[in-house]
C-alpha atoms as a PDB file:
ATOM      1  CA  UNK A   1       0.209  -0.028  -0.010  1.00  0.00           C
ATOM      2  CA  UNK A   2       1.322   3.457  -0.812  1.00  0.00           C
ATOM      3  CA  UNK A   3       0.902   6.590   1.513  1.00  0.00           C
ATOM      4  CA  UNK A   4       0.543   9.618  -0.029  1.00  0.00           C
ATOM      5  CA  UNK A   5       3.787  11.040   0.911  1.00  0.00           C
ATOM      6  CA  UNK A   6       5.399   7.723  -0.590  1.00  0.00           C
ATOM      7  CA  UNK A   7       3.202   9.209  -3.614  1.00  0.00           C
ATOM      8  CA  UNK A   8       3.967  12.514  -3.832  1.00  0.00           C
ATOM      9  CA  UNK A   9       8.089  11.829  -3.165  1.00  0.00           C
ATOM     10  CA  UNK A  10       7.869   9.959  -6.330  1.00  0.00           C
ATOM     11  CA  UNK A  11       6.040  12.013  -8.415  1.00  0.00           C
ATOM     12  CA  UNK A  12       8.264  14.888  -7.926  1.00  0.00           C
ATOM     13  CA  UNK A  13      11.540  12.768  -8.598  1.00  0.00           C
ATOM     14  CA  UNK A  14       9.836  11.348 -11.774  1.00  0.00           C
ATOM     15  CA  UNK A  15       8.900  15.333 -13.171  1.00  0.00           C
ATOM     16  CA  UNK A  16      12.506  16.018 -11.889  1.00  0.00           C
ATOM     17  CA  UNK A  17      13.857  13.174 -14.148  1.00  0.00           C
ATOM     18  CA  UNK A  18      11.323  14.072 -16.831  1.00  0.00           C
ATOM     19  CA  UNK A  19      12.966  17.561 -16.534  1.00  0.00           C
ATOM     20  CA  UNK A  20      16.676  17.483 -16.844  1.00  0.00           C
ATOM     21  CA  UNK A  21      16.502  14.335 -19.314  1.00  0.00           C
ATOM     22  CA  UNK A  22      15.402  13.382 -23.009  1.00  0.00           C
ATOM     23  CA  UNK A  23      14.304   9.404 -23.399  1.00  0.00           C
ATOM     24  CA  UNK A  24      16.490   7.038 -25.390  1.00  0.00           C
ATOM     25  CA  UNK A  25      16.125   6.559 -28.635  1.00  0.00           C
ATOM     26  CA  UNK A  26      16.175   2.972 -29.323  1.00  0.00           C
ATOM     27  CA  UNK A  27      17.617   3.228 -33.265  1.00  0.00           C
ATOM     28  CA  UNK A  28      20.045   0.815 -33.612  1.00  0.00           C
ATOM     29  CA  UNK A  29      18.119  -1.773 -32.122  1.00  0.00           C
ATOM     30  CA  UNK A  30      21.323  -3.736 -30.576  1.00  0.00           C
ATOM     31  CA  UNK A  31      19.977  -4.044 -26.941  1.00  0.00           C
ATOM     32  CA  UNK A  32      16.563  -4.178 -25.829  1.00  0.00           C
ATOM     33  CA  UNK A  33      15.793  -1.568 -23.913  1.00  0.00           C
ATOM     34  CA  UNK A  34      12.884  -1.152 -21.533  1.00  0.00           C
ATOM     35  CA  UNK A  35      10.685   1.958 -20.919  1.00  0.00           C
ATOM     36  CA  UNK A  36      12.109   4.555 -18.939  1.00  0.00           C
ATOM     37  CA  UNK A  37      15.809   4.893 -20.094  1.00  0.00           C
ATOM     38  CA  UNK A  38      16.535   8.305 -20.726  1.00  0.00           C
ATOM     39  CA  UNK A  39      19.701  10.845 -21.642  1.00  0.00           C
ATOM     40  CA  UNK A  40      20.314  13.332 -19.313  1.00  0.00           C
ATOM     41  CA  UNK A  41      20.759  16.708 -20.636  1.00  0.00           C
ATOM     42  CA  UNK A  42      21.300  18.829 -17.134  1.00  0.00           C
ATOM     43  CA  UNK A  43      22.582  17.600 -13.909  1.00  0.00           C
ATOM     44  CA  UNK A  44      20.459  17.677 -11.250  1.00  0.00           C
ATOM     45  CA  UNK A  45      22.415  20.481  -8.815  1.00  0.00           C
ATOM     46  CA  UNK A  46      21.715  19.071  -5.146  1.00  0.00           C
ATOM     47  CA  UNK A  47      22.848  15.623  -6.206  1.00  0.00           C
ATOM     48  CA  UNK A  48      25.605  17.086  -8.110  1.00  0.00           C
ATOM     49  CA  UNK A  49      26.919  19.046  -5.314  1.00  0.00           C
ATOM     50  CA  UNK A  50      26.240  16.104  -2.724  1.00  0.00           C
ATOM     51  CA  UNK A  51      28.389  13.574  -4.934  1.00  0.00           C
ATOM     52  CA  UNK A  52      31.524  16.048  -5.358  1.00  0.00           C
ATOM     53  CA  UNK A  53      31.432  16.680  -1.231  1.00  0.00           C
ATOM     54  CA  UNK A  54      31.724  13.074  -1.375  1.00  0.00           C
ATOM     55  CA  UNK A  55      34.253  12.356  -3.880  1.00  0.00           C
ATOM     56  CA  UNK A  56      36.818  15.605  -2.802  1.00  0.00           C
ATOM     57  CA  UNK A  57      36.140  14.024   0.718  1.00  0.00           C
ATOM     58  CA  UNK A  58      36.688  10.322  -0.197  1.00  0.00           C
ATOM     59  CA  UNK A  59      40.133  12.003  -2.622  1.00  0.00           C
ATOM     60  CA  UNK A  60      41.407  14.098   0.511  1.00  0.00           C
ATOM     61  CA  UNK A  61      41.187  11.027   2.430  1.00  0.00           C
ATOM     62  CA  UNK A  62      43.010   8.937  -0.045  1.00  0.00           C
ATOM     63  CA  UNK A  63      46.164  11.686  -0.306  1.00  0.00           C
ATOM     64  CA  UNK A  64      46.309  13.079   2.988  1.00  0.00           C
ATOM     65  CA  UNK A  65      45.780  10.340   5.141  1.00  0.00           C
ATOM     66  CA  UNK A  66      48.398   8.393   4.931  1.00  0.00           C
ATOM     67  CA  UNK A  67      50.705  11.558   4.776  1.00  0.00           C
ATOM     68  CA  UNK A  68      48.968  12.619   8.403  1.00  0.00           C
ATOM     69  CA  UNK A  69      49.660   9.011   9.782  1.00  0.00           C
ATOM     70  CA  UNK A  70      53.200   8.923   8.915  1.00  0.00           C
ATOM     71  CA  UNK A  71      54.229  12.418  10.424  1.00  0.00           C
ATOM     72  CA  UNK A  72      52.322  11.070  13.577  1.00  0.00           C
ATOM     73  CA  UNK A  73      54.313   7.787  13.720  1.00  0.00           C
ATOM     74  CA  UNK A  74      57.878  10.156  12.987  1.00  0.00           C
ATOM     75  CA  UNK A  75      57.094  12.143  15.730  1.00  0.00           C
ATOM     76  CA  UNK A  76      56.391   9.463  18.170  1.00  0.00           C
ATOM     77  CA  UNK A  77      59.493   7.754  16.834  1.00  0.00           C
ATOM     78  CA  UNK A  78      61.799  10.762  17.714  1.00  0.00           C
ATOM     79  CA  UNK A  79      62.662  11.667  14.253  1.00  0.00           C
ATOM     80  CA  UNK A  80      61.628  14.876  12.206  1.00  0.00           C
ATOM     81  CA  UNK A  81      58.175  14.655  10.963  1.00  0.00           C
ATOM     82  CA  UNK A  82      59.444  16.330   7.624  1.00  0.00           C
ATOM     83  CA  UNK A  83      62.509  14.592   6.659  1.00  0.00           C
ATOM     84  CA  UNK A  84      62.779  11.831   9.257  1.00  0.00           C
ATOM     85  CA  UNK A  85      66.167  12.762  10.289  1.00  0.00           C
ATOM     86  CA  UNK A  86      66.774  12.055  14.136  1.00  0.00           C
ATOM     87  CA  UNK A  87      65.731  15.237  16.306  1.00  0.00           C
ATOM     88  CA  UNK A  88      68.686  16.535  18.523  1.00  0.00           C
ATOM     89  CA  UNK A  89      68.387  18.700  20.834  1.00  0.00           C
ATOM     90  CA  UNK A  90      68.203  21.998  18.656  1.00  0.00           C
ATOM     91  CA  UNK A  91      65.005  23.764  18.150  1.00  0.00           C
ATOM     92  CA  UNK A  92      65.384  22.906  14.025  1.00  0.00           C
ATOM     93  CA  UNK A  93      65.773  19.756  12.637  1.00  0.00           C
ATOM     94  CA  UNK A  94      69.644  20.006  11.554  1.00  0.00           C
ATOM     95  CA  UNK A  95      68.307  18.386   7.954  1.00  0.00           C
ATOM     96  CA  UNK A  96      65.992  19.989   6.494  1.00  0.00           C
ATOM     97  CA  UNK A  97      66.004  23.255   9.053  1.00  0.00           C
ATOM     98  CA  UNK A  98      62.280  22.871   9.943  1.00  0.00           C
ATOM     99  CA  UNK A  99      61.160  24.395  13.598  1.00  0.00           C
ATOM    100  CA  UNK A 100      60.278  21.949  16.084  1.00  0.00           C
ATOM    101  CA  UNK A 101      60.346  21.017  19.838  1.00  0.00           C
ATOM    102  CA  UNK A 102      63.572  19.862  20.869  1.00  0.00           C
ATOM    103  CA  UNK A 103      63.957  16.277  22.604  1.00  0.00           C
ATOM    104  CA  UNK A 104      65.574  15.964  26.098  1.00  0.00           C
ATOM    105  CA  UNK A 105      68.135  14.086  25.539  1.00  0.00           C
ATOM    106  CA  UNK A 106      69.361  13.037  29.019  1.00  0.00           C
ATOM    107  CA  UNK A 107      72.842  12.090  29.581  1.00  0.00           C
ATOM    108  CA  UNK A 108      73.298   8.336  30.894  1.00  0.00           C
END
């Protein structure tokens, strides 16, 4: 049983799809087409914006998450997060010159 609300949502989405697409012609008869296949002619902006945000976030995570994890591991090991050179007692990395907190070096 379809409620009135479900029916109105379906009608709105059908109208939106019809407004932004054309019926697909079956001119080659290479494969059978069912009714309802359409060729998009304009983007549906809310869905386009949502997909852009989701894919940008996924690409950002793939590109920058490993870099952040690598820097965190280097810092925990007492290495320079930029170049992985061992940190001495100076406030600047002696290899790459990046400013950082000096380690407390205890004499044994």
